[in-house]
Amino acid sequence: MNTLKAAVIAGSAAMTLIVAPNANAQWGPGWGGGWGGGWNRPGWNDRGFDSRRSVGDGREGHVEVTRFVSTDPAAAELGHGPVSVTSESGDGPWVEVSARRAYEAAIIDSLVHAGYDTLHPDVPQPQVVKLKISRQVLVPAEEKRSPVSGTAAMEVGTYGQSYGLGINVDLTKPRSALVSTRLDAQIVDRASGKVLWEGYATIATREGDDKWPEGLVATKLASALFDNFPKADPITPVG
């Protein structure tokens, strides 16, 4: 009898050694069928891979324009005769002289299309166009970040513990600052000093972005500002 009991106990021990490792190798509840599709964690996809991209700003590349024209009788001369162009820095970070030349050139092209004579600087110029170009930061540049980061997760199931490691991969470059460039223009009667027409145009672009060279920004602003010139919202001069 003692011999029979010993044999039964030995057999049970042997079965435990065989079954237990297989049971402990199973994933706990909620992990699914393995690495392929069982992560089921917020922010993770089926491969345990999260490729995050920065969301674009809807203001980028959008031009806004505001314009006014005087009701003074001298405004009837807008778009006629010779005109001169000068520029100065505006509020906020100054736009350097080399960059301002691009805006002056773009404005001159728009003035020619409007009917002005810009080819005879020696001729008396009854009207003067004064420009201001300024910039301000709308959204600061994004900080540099590590392209790879890891997240660990552990679950306790019926048969033991399960451990997994997921990798977040972000291969996008940090976005540069979103800046607003503003072009102000006034057309002044030289004799009286009265403002006959004025307006400003703004555009938001990414700083240092190759798709927004200075010349293109200047052209877009000048073209928008003098579109259908001299039509604008009339204002009555004071004094």
Protein backbone atom coordinates (compact mmCIF):
# COMPACT_ATOMS: atom_id res chain seq x y z
CA MET A 1 0.00 0.00 0.00
CA ASN A 2 2.82 2.40 0.88
CA THR A 3 4.49 1.57 -2.41
CA LEU A 4 1.28 2.44 -4.34
CA LYS A 5 0.93 5.82 -2.57
CA ALA A 6 4.52 6.69 -3.36
CA ALA A 7 3.98 5.93 -7.04
CA VAL A 8 0.87 8.15 -7.21
CA ILE A 9 2.68 11.06 -5.52
CA ALA A 10 5.64 10.78 -7.87
CA GLY A 11 3.37 10.77 -10.92
CA SER A 12 1.51 13.87 -9.77
CA ALA A 13 4.78 15.73 -9.25
CA ALA A 14 5.92 14.82 -12.75
CA MET A 15 2.67 16.17 -14.29
CA THR A 16 3.09 19.42 -12.33
CA LEU A 17 6.55 19.94 -13.81
CA ILE A 18 5.17 19.46 -17.30
CA VAL A 19 2.00 21.56 -17.04
CA ALA A 20 3.14 24.53 -14.94
CA PRO A 21 5.68 26.02 -17.41
CA ASN A 22 3.12 25.93 -20.24
CA ALA A 23 0.52 27.65 -18.09
CA ASN A 24 2.92 30.41 -16.99
CA ALA A 25 3.90 31.08 -20.62
CA GLN A 26 0.38 32.23 -21.50
CA TRP A 27 -0.52 35.96 -21.73
CA GLY A 28 -2.78 37.31 -19.04
CA PRO A 29 -6.34 38.51 -19.72
CA GLY A 30 -6.58 41.50 -22.07
CA TRP A 31 -3.30 40.96 -23.92
CA GLY A 32 -4.87 38.99 -26.74
CA GLY A 33 -3.11 36.39 -28.81
CA GLY A 34 0.47 37.65 -28.59
CA TRP A 35 2.62 40.44 -30.04
CA GLY A 36 0.69 40.81 -33.29
CA GLY A 37 -2.54 42.40 -32.11
CA GLY A 38 -3.00 42.23 -28.38
CA TRP A 39 -1.49 45.42 -26.95
CA ASN A 40 -4.86 47.12 -26.47
CA ARG A 41 -3.38 50.14 -24.70
CA PRO A 42 -4.53 53.76 -25.14
CA GLY A 43 -2.27 55.55 -27.61
CA TRP A 44 -0.87 52.38 -29.14
CA ASN A 45 -1.74 50.76 -32.42
CA ASP A 46 -1.74 47.06 -33.24
CA ARG A 47 2.05 46.89 -33.50
CA GLY A 48 2.84 48.80 -30.34
CA PHE A 49 3.99 51.65 -32.60
CA ASP A 50 2.85 55.24 -32.31
CA SER A 51 3.95 57.61 -35.08
CA ARG A 52 2.85 61.10 -34.03
CA ARG A 53 2.87 64.07 -36.38
CA SER A 54 2.57 67.73 -35.49
CA VAL A 55 -0.76 69.26 -36.43
CA GLY A 56 -0.51 72.13 -38.92
CA ASP A 57 -1.69 75.66 -38.16
CA GLY A 58 -4.54 76.87 -40.35
CA ARG A 59 -3.18 80.42 -40.35
CA GLU A 60 -0.09 79.48 -42.35
CA GLY A 61 -0.10 81.03 -45.82
CA HIS A 62 -3.35 82.93 -45.22
CA VAL A 63 -3.31 86.63 -46.23
CA GLU A 64 -5.53 89.22 -44.54
CA VAL A 65 -5.97 92.73 -45.93
CA THR A 66 -7.45 95.99 -44.62
CA ARG A 67 -7.59 99.16 -46.79
CA PHE A 68 -9.01 102.66 -46.63
CA VAL A 69 -9.24 105.53 -49.14
CA SER A 70 -9.74 109.19 -48.32
CA THR A 71 -12.76 111.17 -49.50
CA ASP A 72 -10.50 114.20 -49.97
CA PRO A 73 -10.69 115.53 -53.57
CA ALA A 74 -6.95 114.92 -53.93
CA ALA A 75 -7.64 111.18 -53.77
CA ALA A 76 -8.90 111.42 -57.34
CA GLU A 77 -5.25 111.51 -58.40
CA LEU A 78 -4.54 108.05 -56.96
CA GLY A 79 -3.10 105.75 -59.61
CA HIS A 80 -1.82 108.60 -61.80
CA GLY A 81 1.53 110.29 -62.36
CA PRO A 82 4.95 109.70 -60.84
CA VAL A 83 5.37 108.30 -57.33
CA SER A 84 8.25 107.54 -55.00
CA VAL A 85 8.60 104.69 -52.48
CA THR A 86 10.30 104.75 -49.08
CA SER A 87 10.37 102.14 -46.32
CA GLU A 88 11.15 102.02 -42.62
CA SER A 89 11.02 99.44 -39.87
CA GLY A 90 7.75 98.87 -38.06
CA ASP A 91 6.86 97.75 -34.57
CA GLY A 92 8.37 94.53 -33.19
CA PRO A 93 11.48 92.90 -34.64
CA TRP A 94 12.89 95.04 -37.38
CA VAL A 95 13.07 93.75 -40.91
CA GLU A 96 16.61 94.35 -42.10
CA VAL A 97 17.39 96.60 -45.03
CA SER A 98 18.23 93.77 -47.45
CA ALA A 99 14.82 92.18 -46.81
CA ARG A 100 12.99 95.51 -47.11
CA ARG A 101 14.30 95.90 -50.65
CA ALA A 102 12.24 92.86 -51.67
CA TYR A 103 9.09 94.55 -50.37
CA GLU A 104 9.94 97.85 -52.06
CA ALA A 105 10.41 96.02 -55.38
CA ALA A 106 7.11 94.15 -54.96
CA ILE A 107 5.27 97.38 -54.14
CA ILE A 108 6.78 99.16 -57.15
CA ASP A 109 5.55 96.37 -59.42
CA SER A 110 2.06 96.70 -57.94
CA LEU A 111 2.14 100.49 -58.36
CA VAL A 112 3.07 100.13 -62.03
CA HIS A 113 0.09 97.82 -62.54
CA ALA A 114 -2.07 100.39 -60.76
CA GLY A 115 -1.08 103.06 -63.30
CA TYR A 116 1.74 104.94 -61.57
CA ASP A 117 4.95 106.09 -63.20
CA THR A 118 7.99 104.75 -61.30
CA LEU A 119 10.54 105.11 -64.13
CA HIS A 120 11.26 108.86 -63.86
CA PRO A 121 12.64 109.68 -60.40
CA ASP A 122 13.79 113.11 -61.65
CA VAL A 123 10.21 114.19 -62.34
CA PRO A 124 8.39 115.97 -59.48
CA GLN A 125 6.50 113.36 -57.49
CA PRO A 126 3.24 114.64 -56.05
CA GLN A 127 2.60 111.38 -54.17
CA VAL A 128 4.83 109.37 -51.84
CA VAL A 129 4.30 105.75 -50.78
CA LYS A 130 5.53 105.05 -47.27
CA LEU A 131 6.06 101.43 -46.26
CA LYS A 132 6.52 99.71 -42.91
CA ILE A 133 7.43 96.04 -42.65
CA SER A 134 7.25 94.33 -39.27
CA ARG A 135 7.14 90.83 -37.83
CA GLN A 136 5.92 89.16 -34.67
CA VAL A 137 5.99 85.57 -33.45
CA LEU A 138 2.57 83.93 -33.34
CA VAL A 139 3.69 80.47 -32.16
CA PRO A 140 7.20 79.80 -30.77
CA ALA A 141 9.37 77.12 -32.34
CA GLU A 142 8.82 73.59 -31.02
CA GLU A 143 11.45 72.19 -28.71
CA LYS A 144 13.72 69.39 -29.88
CA ARG A 145 12.53 65.99 -28.75
CA SER A 146 13.87 62.46 -28.69
CA PRO A 147 12.69 60.56 -31.79
CA VAL A 148 12.32 57.31 -29.82
CA SER A 149 10.70 56.72 -26.44
CA GLY A 150 9.57 53.58 -24.65
CA THR A 151 6.61 52.56 -22.52
CA ALA A 152 6.40 49.45 -20.37
CA ALA A 153 3.23 47.63 -19.31
CA MET A 154 2.63 44.74 -16.94
CA GLU A 155 -0.45 42.62 -16.30
CA VAL A 156 -1.19 40.01 -13.67
CA GLY A 157 -3.27 37.13 -14.91
CA THR A 158 -4.56 33.87 -13.51
CA TYR A 159 -1.30 32.10 -14.19
CA GLY A 160 1.22 34.77 -13.44
CA GLN A 161 2.62 38.06 -14.72
CA SER A 162 3.00 39.29 -18.30
CA TYR A 163 5.37 42.09 -19.26
CA GLY A 164 5.51 44.09 -22.51
CA LEU A 165 7.61 46.97 -23.84
CA GLY A 166 6.34 49.30 -26.58
CA ILE A 167 8.27 51.88 -28.59
CA ASN A 168 6.99 55.31 -29.68
CA VAL A 169 8.71 56.54 -32.83
CA ASP A 170 8.38 60.16 -33.96
CA LEU A 171 10.44 60.94 -37.05
CA THR A 172 8.95 64.40 -37.65
CA LYS A 173 11.16 67.45 -37.20
CA PRO A 174 10.18 70.11 -34.65
CA ARG A 175 8.29 72.93 -36.33
CA SER A 176 9.97 76.31 -36.61
CA ALA A 177 8.26 79.42 -35.23
CA LEU A 178 5.09 80.63 -36.92
CA VAL A 179 5.62 84.33 -37.63
CA SER A 180 3.32 87.05 -38.92
CA THR A 181 4.75 89.46 -41.49
CA ARG A 182 2.85 92.73 -41.84
CA LEU A 183 3.19 95.20 -44.70
CA ASP A 184 1.76 98.69 -44.07
CA ALA A 185 1.46 101.23 -46.87
CA GLN A 186 0.41 104.88 -46.94
CA ILE A 187 0.08 107.06 -50.01
CA VAL A 188 0.61 110.67 -48.98
CA ASP A 189 0.02 113.88 -50.91
CA ARG A 190 3.43 115.54 -50.82
CA ALA A 191 2.12 119.11 -50.92
CA SER A 192 -0.45 118.86 -48.14
CA GLY A 193 0.86 115.90 -46.20
CA LYS A 194 -2.61 114.33 -46.22
CA VAL A 195 -2.96 110.55 -46.32
CA LEU A 196 -4.92 109.70 -49.48
CA TRP A 197 -4.88 105.92 -49.15
CA GLU A 198 -3.62 103.42 -46.61
CA GLY A 199 -3.81 99.74 -45.84
CA TYR A 200 -1.99 96.75 -44.48
CA ALA A 201 -1.68 93.08 -45.32
CA THR A 202 -0.47 90.23 -43.11
CA ILE A 203 0.58 86.66 -43.73
CA ALA A 204 1.66 83.86 -41.37
CA THR A 205 4.60 81.67 -42.43
CA ARG A 206 7.09 79.28 -40.87
CA GLU A 207 10.40 80.90 -40.05
CA GLY A 208 13.20 79.61 -42.28
CA ASP A 209 10.84 77.51 -44.42
CA ASP A 210 12.19 77.11 -47.96
CA LYS A 211 8.68 77.32 -49.41
CA TRP A 212 8.34 80.88 -48.05
CA PRO A 213 11.30 82.89 -49.36
CA GLU A 214 11.27 86.62 -48.64
CA GLY A 215 10.51 87.52 -52.26
CA LEU A 216 7.40 85.32 -52.36
CA VAL A 217 6.08 86.71 -49.07
CA ALA A 218 6.63 90.27 -50.34
CA THR A 219 4.88 89.56 -53.65
CA LYS A 220 1.85 87.97 -52.01
CA LEU A 221 1.42 90.85 -49.58
CA ALA A 222 1.92 93.60 -52.18
CA SER A 223 -0.41 91.92 -54.68
CA ALA A 224 -3.14 91.47 -52.08
CA LEU A 225 -2.74 95.01 -50.77
CA PHE A 226 -3.06 96.67 -54.19
CA ASP A 227 -5.67 94.34 -55.64
CA ASN A 228 -8.41 96.49 -57.30
CA PHE A 229 -6.53 99.63 -56.27
CA PRO A 230 -7.63 102.24 -55.26
CA LYS A 231 -10.91 100.64 -54.20
CA ALA A 232 -11.23 100.39 -50.43
CA ASP A 233 -13.50 101.40 -47.59
CA PRO A 234 -13.77 105.21 -47.74
CA ILE A 235 -12.82 107.31 -44.73
CA THR A 236 -13.37 111.02 -44.16
CA PRO A 237 -10.15 112.86 -43.33
CA VAL A 238 -10.03 114.74 -40.06
CA GLY A 239 -8.96 118.40 -40.12
